[in-house]
Each structure stands twice: as structure tokens, then as C-alpha cells.
Full PDB file with SEQRES, HELIX, SHEET, SSBOND, CRYST1, ORIGX, SCALE, CONECT and MASTER records, all heavy atoms in Angstrom:
SEQRES   1 A   37  ILE LEU PHE SER MET ILE VAL SER GLY LEU ALA ILE ALA          
SEQRES   2 A   37  LEU VAL ARG TRP ASP GLY GLY THR LEU PRO ALA ALA LEU          
SEQRES   3 A   37  SER ARG GLY GLY VAL ALA PHE GLY GLY THR LEU                  
HELIX    1 AA1 LEU A    2  TRP A   17  1                                  16    
HELIX    2 AA2 LEU A   22  THR A   36  1                                  15    
CRYST1    1.000    1.000    1.000  90.00  90.00  90.00 P 1           1          
ORIGX1      1.000000  0.000000  0.000000        0.00000                         
ORIGX2      0.000000  1.000000  0.000000        0.00000                         
ORIGX3      0.000000  0.000000  1.000000        0.00000                         
SCALE1      1.000000  0.000000  0.000000        0.00000                         
SCALE2      0.000000  1.000000  0.000000        0.00000                         
SCALE3      0.000000  0.000000  1.000000        0.00000                         
ATOM      1  N   ILE A   1     -29.559  27.128 -15.849  1.00  0.00           N  
ATOM      2  CA  ILE A   1     -30.262  26.084 -16.599  1.00  0.00           C  
ATOM      3  C   ILE A   1     -29.263  25.085 -17.167  1.00  0.00           C  
ATOM      4  O   ILE A   1     -29.479  23.867 -17.100  1.00  0.00           O  
ATOM      5  CB  ILE A   1     -31.138  26.710 -17.706  1.00  0.00           C  
ATOM      6  CG1 ILE A   1     -32.323  27.434 -17.083  1.00  0.00           C  
ATOM      7  CG2 ILE A   1     -31.623  25.648 -18.685  1.00  0.00           C  
ATOM      8  CD1 ILE A   1     -33.134  28.244 -18.057  1.00  0.00           C  
ATOM      9  N   LEU A   2     -28.155  25.575 -17.702  1.00  0.00           N  
ATOM     10  CA  LEU A   2     -27.127  24.683 -18.227  1.00  0.00           C  
ATOM     11  C   LEU A   2     -26.543  23.805 -17.121  1.00  0.00           C  
ATOM     12  O   LEU A   2     -26.373  22.590 -17.300  1.00  0.00           O  
ATOM     13  CB  LEU A   2     -26.023  25.488 -18.902  1.00  0.00           C  
ATOM     14  CG  LEU A   2     -24.864  24.692 -19.499  1.00  0.00           C  
ATOM     15  CD1 LEU A   2     -25.355  23.789 -20.620  1.00  0.00           C  
ATOM     16  CD2 LEU A   2     -23.790  25.623 -19.999  1.00  0.00           C  
ATOM     17  N   PHE A   3     -26.251  24.398 -15.970  1.00  0.00           N  
ATOM     18  CA  PHE A   3     -25.722  23.635 -14.844  1.00  0.00           C  
ATOM     19  C   PHE A   3     -26.730  22.580 -14.387  1.00  0.00           C  
ATOM     20  O   PHE A   3     -26.358  21.440 -14.094  1.00  0.00           O  
ATOM     21  CB  PHE A   3     -25.372  24.592 -13.696  1.00  0.00           C  
ATOM     22  CG  PHE A   3     -24.823  23.901 -12.481  1.00  0.00           C  
ATOM     23  CD1 PHE A   3     -23.602  23.261 -12.534  1.00  0.00           C  
ATOM     24  CD2 PHE A   3     -25.528  23.891 -11.297  1.00  0.00           C  
ATOM     25  CE1 PHE A   3     -23.091  22.615 -11.413  1.00  0.00           C  
ATOM     26  CE2 PHE A   3     -25.035  23.260 -10.185  1.00  0.00           C  
ATOM     27  CZ  PHE A   3     -23.808  22.615 -10.241  1.00  0.00           C  
ATOM     28  N   SER A   4     -28.015  22.936 -14.351  1.00  0.00           N  
ATOM     29  CA  SER A   4     -29.050  21.988 -13.949  1.00  0.00           C  
ATOM     30  C   SER A   4     -29.157  20.831 -14.934  1.00  0.00           C  
ATOM     31  O   SER A   4     -29.389  19.688 -14.535  1.00  0.00           O  
ATOM     32  CB  SER A   4     -30.395  22.694 -13.823  1.00  0.00           C  
ATOM     33  OG  SER A   4     -30.342  23.676 -12.829  1.00  0.00           O  
ATOM     34  N   MET A   5     -28.997  21.114 -16.214  1.00  0.00           N  
ATOM     35  CA  MET A   5     -29.041  20.045 -17.219  1.00  0.00           C  
ATOM     36  C   MET A   5     -27.855  19.097 -17.062  1.00  0.00           C  
ATOM     37  O   MET A   5     -27.999  17.884 -17.226  1.00  0.00           O  
ATOM     38  CB  MET A   5     -29.081  20.655 -18.624  1.00  0.00           C  
ATOM     39  CG  MET A   5     -30.393  21.341 -18.931  1.00  0.00           C  
ATOM     40  SD  MET A   5     -30.395  22.169 -20.525  1.00  0.00           S  
ATOM     41  CE  MET A   5     -30.317  20.793 -21.629  1.00  0.00           C  
ATOM     42  N   ILE A   6     -26.693  19.640 -16.735  1.00  0.00           N  
ATOM     43  CA  ILE A   6     -25.508  18.795 -16.522  1.00  0.00           C  
ATOM     44  C   ILE A   6     -25.707  17.901 -15.302  1.00  0.00           C  
ATOM     45  O   ILE A   6     -25.421  16.698 -15.346  1.00  0.00           O  
ATOM     46  CB  ILE A   6     -24.250  19.663 -16.391  1.00  0.00           C  
ATOM     47  CG1 ILE A   6     -23.917  20.315 -17.728  1.00  0.00           C  
ATOM     48  CG2 ILE A   6     -23.066  18.847 -15.882  1.00  0.00           C  
ATOM     49  CD1 ILE A   6     -22.853  21.387 -17.656  1.00  0.00           C  
ATOM     50  N   VAL A   7     -26.220  18.467 -14.213  1.00  0.00           N  
ATOM     51  CA  VAL A   7     -26.474  17.681 -13.005  1.00  0.00           C  
ATOM     52  C   VAL A   7     -27.515  16.603 -13.285  1.00  0.00           C  
ATOM     53  O   VAL A   7     -27.383  15.459 -12.837  1.00  0.00           O  
ATOM     54  CB  VAL A   7     -26.917  18.604 -11.847  1.00  0.00           C  
ATOM     55  CG1 VAL A   7     -27.450  17.806 -10.675  1.00  0.00           C  
ATOM     56  CG2 VAL A   7     -25.761  19.473 -11.409  1.00  0.00           C  
ATOM     57  N   SER A   8     -28.538  16.946 -14.053  1.00  0.00           N  
ATOM     58  CA  SER A   8     -29.564  15.973 -14.402  1.00  0.00           C  
ATOM     59  C   SER A   8     -28.986  14.824 -15.229  1.00  0.00           C  
ATOM     60  O   SER A   8     -29.293  13.652 -14.985  1.00  0.00           O  
ATOM     61  CB  SER A   8     -30.678  16.667 -15.192  1.00  0.00           C  
ATOM     62  OG  SER A   8     -31.608  15.737 -15.666  1.00  0.00           O  
ATOM     63  N   GLY A   9     -28.155  15.151 -16.181  1.00  0.00           N  
ATOM     64  CA  GLY A   9     -27.518  14.110 -16.990  1.00  0.00           C  
ATOM     65  C   GLY A   9     -26.631  13.199 -16.166  1.00  0.00           C  
ATOM     66  O   GLY A   9     -26.607  11.974 -16.370  1.00  0.00           O  
ATOM     67  N   LEU A  10     -25.909  13.782 -15.229  1.00  0.00           N  
ATOM     68  CA  LEU A  10     -25.070  12.966 -14.347  1.00  0.00           C  
ATOM     69  C   LEU A  10     -25.923  12.065 -13.460  1.00  0.00           C  
ATOM     70  O   LEU A  10     -25.556  10.904 -13.210  1.00  0.00           O  
ATOM     71  CB  LEU A  10     -24.175  13.856 -13.490  1.00  0.00           C  
ATOM     72  CG  LEU A  10     -23.032  14.541 -14.224  1.00  0.00           C  
ATOM     73  CD1 LEU A  10     -22.333  15.524 -13.305  1.00  0.00           C  
ATOM     74  CD2 LEU A  10     -22.060  13.528 -14.755  1.00  0.00           C  
ATOM     75  N   ALA A  11     -27.045  12.572 -12.965  1.00  0.00           N  
ATOM     76  CA  ALA A  11     -27.930  11.743 -12.136  1.00  0.00           C  
ATOM     77  C   ALA A  11     -28.500  10.581 -12.945  1.00  0.00           C  
ATOM     78  O   ALA A  11     -28.563   9.444 -12.450  1.00  0.00           O  
ATOM     79  CB  ALA A  11     -29.056  12.601 -11.562  1.00  0.00           C  
ATOM     80  N   ILE A  12     -28.887  10.843 -14.177  1.00  0.00           N  
ATOM     81  CA  ILE A  12     -29.402   9.773 -15.043  1.00  0.00           C  
ATOM     82  C   ILE A  12     -28.321   8.730 -15.276  1.00  0.00           C  
ATOM     83  O   ILE A  12     -28.570   7.511 -15.194  1.00  0.00           O  
ATOM     84  CB  ILE A  12     -29.923  10.357 -16.369  1.00  0.00           C  
ATOM     85  CG1 ILE A  12     -31.188  11.170 -16.120  1.00  0.00           C  
ATOM     86  CG2 ILE A  12     -30.187   9.260 -17.387  1.00  0.00           C  
ATOM     87  CD1 ILE A  12     -31.662  11.961 -17.316  1.00  0.00           C  
ATOM     88  N   ALA A  13     -27.116   9.190 -15.565  1.00  0.00           N  
ATOM     89  CA  ALA A  13     -26.017   8.255 -15.821  1.00  0.00           C  
ATOM     90  C   ALA A  13     -25.700   7.407 -14.592  1.00  0.00           C  
ATOM     91  O   ALA A  13     -25.453   6.205 -14.704  1.00  0.00           O  
ATOM     92  CB  ALA A  13     -24.779   9.023 -16.273  1.00  0.00           C  
ATOM     93  N   LEU A  14     -25.730   8.011 -13.412  1.00  0.00           N  
ATOM     94  CA  LEU A  14     -25.429   7.262 -12.199  1.00  0.00           C  
ATOM     95  C   LEU A  14     -26.487   6.215 -11.886  1.00  0.00           C  
ATOM     96  O   LEU A  14     -26.166   5.108 -11.443  1.00  0.00           O  
ATOM     97  CB  LEU A  14     -25.262   8.219 -11.016  1.00  0.00           C  
ATOM     98  CG  LEU A  14     -23.963   9.017 -10.994  1.00  0.00           C  
ATOM     99  CD1 LEU A  14     -24.001  10.032  -9.862  1.00  0.00           C  
ATOM    100  CD2 LEU A  14     -22.767   8.102 -10.862  1.00  0.00           C  
ATOM    101  N   VAL A  15     -27.755   6.551 -12.120  1.00  0.00           N  
ATOM    102  CA  VAL A  15     -28.820   5.568 -11.876  1.00  0.00           C  
ATOM    103  C   VAL A  15     -28.708   4.415 -12.860  1.00  0.00           C  
ATOM    104  O   VAL A  15     -28.857   3.244 -12.481  1.00  0.00           O  
ATOM    105  CB  VAL A  15     -30.208   6.243 -11.946  1.00  0.00           C  
ATOM    106  CG1 VAL A  15     -31.322   5.209 -11.921  1.00  0.00           C  
ATOM    107  CG2 VAL A  15     -30.379   7.217 -10.800  1.00  0.00           C  
ATOM    108  N   ARG A  16     -28.424   4.728 -14.111  1.00  0.00           N  
ATOM    109  CA  ARG A  16     -28.287   3.650 -15.113  1.00  0.00           C  
ATOM    110  C   ARG A  16     -27.058   2.806 -14.823  1.00  0.00           C  
ATOM    111  O   ARG A  16     -27.071   1.588 -15.010  1.00  0.00           O  
ATOM    112  CB  ARG A  16     -28.199   4.246 -16.521  1.00  0.00           C  
ATOM    113  CG  ARG A  16     -29.477   4.859 -17.014  1.00  0.00           C  
ATOM    114  CD  ARG A  16     -30.573   3.852 -17.178  1.00  0.00           C  
ATOM    115  NE  ARG A  16     -30.267   3.002 -18.329  1.00  0.00           N  
ATOM    116  CZ  ARG A  16     -30.899   1.886 -18.616  1.00  0.00           C  
ATOM    117  NH1 ARG A  16     -31.875   1.459 -17.845  1.00  0.00           N  
ATOM    118  NH2 ARG A  16     -30.576   1.176 -19.649  1.00  0.00           N  
ATOM    119  N   TRP A  17     -25.983   3.428 -14.366  1.00  0.00           N  
ATOM    120  CA  TRP A  17     -24.756   2.711 -14.042  1.00  0.00           C  
ATOM    121  C   TRP A  17     -24.977   1.763 -12.861  1.00  0.00           C  
ATOM    122  O   TRP A  17     -24.385   0.698 -12.771  1.00  0.00           O  
ATOM    123  CB  TRP A  17     -23.668   3.722 -13.720  1.00  0.00           C  
ATOM    124  CG  TRP A  17     -22.285   3.175 -13.572  1.00  0.00           C  
ATOM    125  CD1 TRP A  17     -21.781   2.043 -14.152  1.00  0.00           C  
ATOM    126  CD2 TRP A  17     -21.224   3.742 -12.814  1.00  0.00           C  
ATOM    127  NE1 TRP A  17     -20.470   1.890 -13.797  1.00  0.00           N  
ATOM    128  CE2 TRP A  17     -20.106   2.914 -12.974  1.00  0.00           C  
ATOM    129  CE3 TRP A  17     -21.110   4.877 -12.037  1.00  0.00           C  
ATOM    130  CZ2 TRP A  17     -18.889   3.177 -12.362  1.00  0.00           C  
ATOM    131  CZ3 TRP A  17     -19.898   5.141 -11.438  1.00  0.00           C  
ATOM    132  CH2 TRP A  17     -18.801   4.297 -11.601  1.00  0.00           C  
ATOM    133  N   ASP A  18     -25.878   2.166 -11.949  1.00  0.00           N  
ATOM    134  CA  ASP A  18     -26.196   1.347 -10.788  1.00  0.00           C  
ATOM    135  C   ASP A  18     -27.157   0.209 -11.134  1.00  0.00           C  
ATOM    136  O   ASP A  18     -27.449  -0.630 -10.298  1.00  0.00           O  
ATOM    137  CB  ASP A  18     -26.806   2.225  -9.696  1.00  0.00           C  
ATOM    138  CG  ASP A  18     -26.860   1.537  -8.351  1.00  0.00           C  
ATOM    139  OD1 ASP A  18     -25.927   0.760  -8.055  1.00  0.00           O  
ATOM    140  OD2 ASP A  18     -27.825   1.785  -7.603  1.00  0.00           O  
ATOM    141  N   GLY A  19     -27.652   0.184 -12.358  1.00  0.00           N  
ATOM    142  CA  GLY A  19     -28.533  -0.892 -12.799  1.00  0.00           C  
ATOM    143  C   GLY A  19     -30.005  -0.545 -12.745  1.00  0.00           C  
ATOM    144  O   GLY A  19     -30.855  -1.436 -12.860  1.00  0.00           O  
ATOM    145  N   GLY A  20     -30.332   0.721 -12.564  1.00  0.00           N  
ATOM    146  CA  GLY A  20     -31.730   1.143 -12.512  1.00  0.00           C  
ATOM    147  C   GLY A  20     -32.365   1.154 -13.889  1.00  0.00           C  
ATOM    148  O   GLY A  20     -31.688   1.185 -14.922  1.00  0.00           O  
ATOM    149  N   THR A  21     -33.685   1.106 -13.898  1.00  0.00           N  
ATOM    150  CA  THR A  21     -34.409   1.121 -15.168  1.00  0.00           C  
ATOM    151  C   THR A  21     -34.407   2.535 -15.748  1.00  0.00           C  
ATOM    152  O   THR A  21     -34.116   3.516 -15.043  1.00  0.00           O  
ATOM    153  CB  THR A  21     -35.855   0.652 -14.957  1.00  0.00           C  
ATOM    154  OG1 THR A  21     -36.509   1.567 -14.073  1.00  0.00           O  
ATOM    155  CG2 THR A  21     -35.891  -0.749 -14.381  1.00  0.00           C  
ATOM    156  N   LEU A  22     -34.761   2.632 -17.015  1.00  0.00           N  
ATOM    157  CA  LEU A  22     -34.779   3.937 -17.672  1.00  0.00           C  
ATOM    158  C   LEU A  22     -35.828   4.871 -17.068  1.00  0.00           C  
ATOM    159  O   LEU A  22     -35.522   6.054 -16.837  1.00  0.00           O  
ATOM    160  CB  LEU A  22     -34.999   3.769 -19.175  1.00  0.00           C  
ATOM    161  CG  LEU A  22     -34.926   5.044 -20.002  1.00  0.00           C  
ATOM    162  CD1 LEU A  22     -33.579   5.710 -19.855  1.00  0.00           C  
ATOM    163  CD2 LEU A  22     -35.221   4.749 -21.461  1.00  0.00           C  
ATOM    164  N   PRO A  23     -37.060   4.385 -16.777  1.00  0.00           N  
ATOM    165  CA  PRO A  23     -38.008   5.303 -16.133  1.00  0.00           C  
ATOM    166  C   PRO A  23     -37.530   5.808 -14.766  1.00  0.00           C  
ATOM    167  O   PRO A  23     -37.728   6.983 -14.422  1.00  0.00           O  
ATOM    168  CB  PRO A  23     -39.275   4.467 -15.984  1.00  0.00           C  
ATOM    169  CG  PRO A  23     -39.189   3.456 -17.063  1.00  0.00           C  
ATOM    170  CD  PRO A  23     -37.727   3.138 -17.170  1.00  0.00           C  
ATOM    171  N   ALA A  24     -36.885   4.950 -14.003  1.00  0.00           N  
ATOM    172  CA  ALA A  24     -36.356   5.379 -12.702  1.00  0.00           C  
ATOM    173  C   ALA A  24     -35.242   6.404 -12.888  1.00  0.00           C  
ATOM    174  O   ALA A  24     -35.148   7.377 -12.134  1.00  0.00           O  
ATOM    175  CB  ALA A  24     -35.838   4.184 -11.924  1.00  0.00           C  
ATOM    176  N   ALA A  25     -34.413   6.191 -13.905  1.00  0.00           N  
ATOM    177  CA  ALA A  25     -33.317   7.124 -14.168  1.00  0.00           C  
ATOM    178  C   ALA A  25     -33.853   8.483 -14.608  1.00  0.00           C  
ATOM    179  O   ALA A  25     -33.355   9.528 -14.164  1.00  0.00           O  
ATOM    180  CB  ALA A  25     -32.382   6.550 -15.232  1.00  0.00           C  
ATOM    181  N   LEU A  26     -34.868   8.481 -15.468  1.00  0.00           N  
ATOM    182  CA  LEU A  26     -35.438   9.749 -15.918  1.00  0.00           C  
ATOM    183  C   LEU A  26     -36.135  10.480 -14.776  1.00  0.00           C  
ATOM    184  O   LEU A  26     -36.069  11.708 -14.684  1.00  0.00           O  
ATOM    185  CB  LEU A  26     -36.407   9.507 -17.073  1.00  0.00           C  
ATOM    186  CG  LEU A  26     -35.765   9.057 -18.382  1.00  0.00           C  
ATOM    187  CD1 LEU A  26     -36.838   8.745 -19.409  1.00  0.00           C  
ATOM    188  CD2 LEU A  26     -34.808  10.095 -18.901  1.00  0.00           C  
ATOM    189  N   SER A  27     -36.789   9.724 -13.919  1.00  0.00           N  
ATOM    190  CA  SER A  27     -37.435  10.337 -12.757  1.00  0.00           C  
ATOM    191  C   SER A  27     -36.405  10.962 -11.829  1.00  0.00           C  
ATOM    192  O   SER A  27     -36.576  12.089 -11.347  1.00  0.00           O  
ATOM    193  CB  SER A  27     -38.256   9.291 -12.008  1.00  0.00           C  
ATOM    194  OG  SER A  27     -38.792   9.825 -10.833  1.00  0.00           O  
ATOM    195  N   ARG A  28     -35.335  10.255 -11.559  1.00  0.00           N  
ATOM    196  CA  ARG A  28     -34.281  10.772 -10.688  1.00  0.00           C  
ATOM    197  C   ARG A  28     -33.610  11.983 -11.328  1.00  0.00           C  
ATOM    198  O   ARG A  28     -33.263  12.943 -10.648  1.00  0.00           O  
ATOM    199  CB  ARG A  28     -33.259   9.676 -10.429  1.00  0.00           C  
ATOM    200  CG  ARG A  28     -32.268   9.970  -9.366  1.00  0.00           C  
ATOM    201  CD  ARG A  28     -32.900  10.098  -8.013  1.00  0.00           C  
ATOM    202  NE  ARG A  28     -33.618   8.890  -7.678  1.00  0.00           N  
ATOM    203  CZ  ARG A  28     -33.699   8.384  -6.470  1.00  0.00           C  
ATOM    204  NH1 ARG A  28     -33.082   8.979  -5.478  1.00  0.00           N  
ATOM    205  NH2 ARG A  28     -34.405   7.311  -6.247  1.00  0.00           N  
ATOM    206  N   GLY A  29     -33.440  11.932 -12.651  1.00  0.00           N  
ATOM    207  CA  GLY A  29     -32.862  13.080 -13.350  1.00  0.00           C  
ATOM    208  C   GLY A  29     -33.759  14.303 -13.285  1.00  0.00           C  
ATOM    209  O   GLY A  29     -33.278  15.427 -13.144  1.00  0.00           O  
ATOM    210  N   GLY A  30     -35.069  14.095 -13.374  1.00  0.00           N  
ATOM    211  CA  GLY A  30     -36.011  15.213 -13.256  1.00  0.00           C  
ATOM    212  C   GLY A  30     -35.981  15.840 -11.876  1.00  0.00           C  
ATOM    213  O   GLY A  30     -36.046  17.061 -11.734  1.00  0.00           O  
ATOM    214  N   VAL A  31     -35.879  14.993 -10.851  1.00  0.00           N  
ATOM    215  CA  VAL A  31     -35.789  15.510  -9.486  1.00  0.00           C  
ATOM    216  C   VAL A  31     -34.489  16.301  -9.310  1.00  0.00           C  
ATOM    217  O   VAL A  31     -34.483  17.382  -8.699  1.00  0.00           O  
ATOM    218  CB  VAL A  31     -35.878  14.348  -8.469  1.00  0.00           C  
ATOM    219  CG1 VAL A  31     -35.510  14.808  -7.080  1.00  0.00           C  
ATOM    220  CG2 VAL A  31     -37.270  13.741  -8.494  1.00  0.00           C  
ATOM    221  N   ALA A  32     -33.401  15.777  -9.856  1.00  0.00           N  
ATOM    222  CA  ALA A  32     -32.116  16.478  -9.749  1.00  0.00           C  
ATOM    223  C   ALA A  32     -32.159  17.814 -10.499  1.00  0.00           C  
ATOM    224  O   ALA A  32     -31.639  18.825 -10.013  1.00  0.00           O  
ATOM    225  CB  ALA A  32     -30.993  15.597 -10.294  1.00  0.00           C  
ATOM    226  N   PHE A  33     -32.781  17.821 -11.680  1.00  0.00           N  
ATOM    227  CA  PHE A  33     -32.898  19.060 -12.452  1.00  0.00           C  
ATOM    228  C   PHE A  33     -33.706  20.097 -11.691  1.00  0.00           C  
ATOM    229  O   PHE A  33     -33.296  21.251 -11.560  1.00  0.00           O  
ATOM    230  CB  PHE A  33     -33.550  18.770 -13.811  1.00  0.00           C  
ATOM    231  CG  PHE A  33     -33.753  20.002 -14.652  1.00  0.00           C  
ATOM    232  CD1 PHE A  33     -32.709  20.522 -15.384  1.00  0.00           C  
ATOM    233  CD2 PHE A  33     -34.985  20.630 -14.711  1.00  0.00           C  
ATOM    234  CE1 PHE A  33     -32.883  21.659 -16.162  1.00  0.00           C  
ATOM    235  CE2 PHE A  33     -35.170  21.760 -15.471  1.00  0.00           C  
ATOM    236  CZ  PHE A  33     -34.123  22.274 -16.206  1.00  0.00           C  
ATOM    237  N   GLY A  34     -34.853  19.677 -11.184  1.00  0.00           N  
ATOM    238  CA  GLY A  34     -35.714  20.613 -10.459  1.00  0.00           C  
ATOM    239  C   GLY A  34     -35.069  21.151  -9.195  1.00  0.00           C  
ATOM    240  O   GLY A  34     -35.159  22.341  -8.899  1.00  0.00           O  
ATOM    241  N   GLY A  35     -34.416  20.269  -8.457  1.00  0.00           N  
ATOM    242  CA  GLY A  35     -33.761  20.709  -7.223  1.00  0.00           C  
ATOM    243  C   GLY A  35     -32.613  21.662  -7.488  1.00  0.00           C  
ATOM    244  O   GLY A  35     -32.469  22.684  -6.796  1.00  0.00           O  
ATOM    245  N   THR A  36     -31.810  21.347  -8.474  1.00  0.00           N  
ATOM    246  CA  THR A  36     -30.666  22.211  -8.792  1.00  0.00           C  
ATOM    247  C   THR A  36     -31.122  23.563  -9.312  1.00  0.00           C  
ATOM    248  O   THR A  36     -30.589  24.608  -8.916  1.00  0.00           O  
ATOM    249  CB  THR A  36     -29.757  21.526  -9.831  1.00  0.00           C  
ATOM    250  OG1 THR A  36     -29.399  20.239  -9.357  1.00  0.00           O  
ATOM    251  CG2 THR A  36     -28.519  22.344 -10.099  1.00  0.00           C  
ATOM    252  N   LEU A  37     -32.130  23.560 -10.178  1.00  0.00           N  
ATOM    253  CA  LEU A  37     -32.624  24.827 -10.720  1.00  0.00           C  
ATOM    254  C   LEU A  37     -33.266  25.677  -9.621  1.00  0.00           C  
ATOM    255  O   LEU A  37     -33.108  26.907  -9.609  1.00  0.00           O  
ATOM    256  CB  LEU A  37     -33.614  24.577 -11.853  1.00  0.00           C  
ATOM    257  CG  LEU A  37     -34.022  25.781 -12.688  1.00  0.00           C  
ATOM    258  CD1 LEU A  37     -32.787  26.417 -13.323  1.00  0.00           C  
ATOM    259  CD2 LEU A  37     -35.009  25.383 -13.748  1.00  0.00           C  
TER     260      LEU A  37                                                      
MASTER        0    0    0    2    0    0    0    6  259    1    0    3          
END                                                                             
């Protein structure tokens, strides 16, 4: 769970760094969390 949260946070940061909106970043982070877990 901790590893999945770290991956999710990194995915959110990468989407925001690329210029994505916050809802898109949260969605991508949720997908990354679910996939990793």
C-alpha cells in the first residue's frame, strides 16, 4: 500500500509537470495506485 501511494504521487506529479489539469492528474494517479496495488 505504501509503495502504491508513492507510485500514485509520482504519477500525479508527472501529469502536473507535463501541464495536465488537476482532475486529469488525480485520475491518472488513481489508475497508477490501482494498477500497482
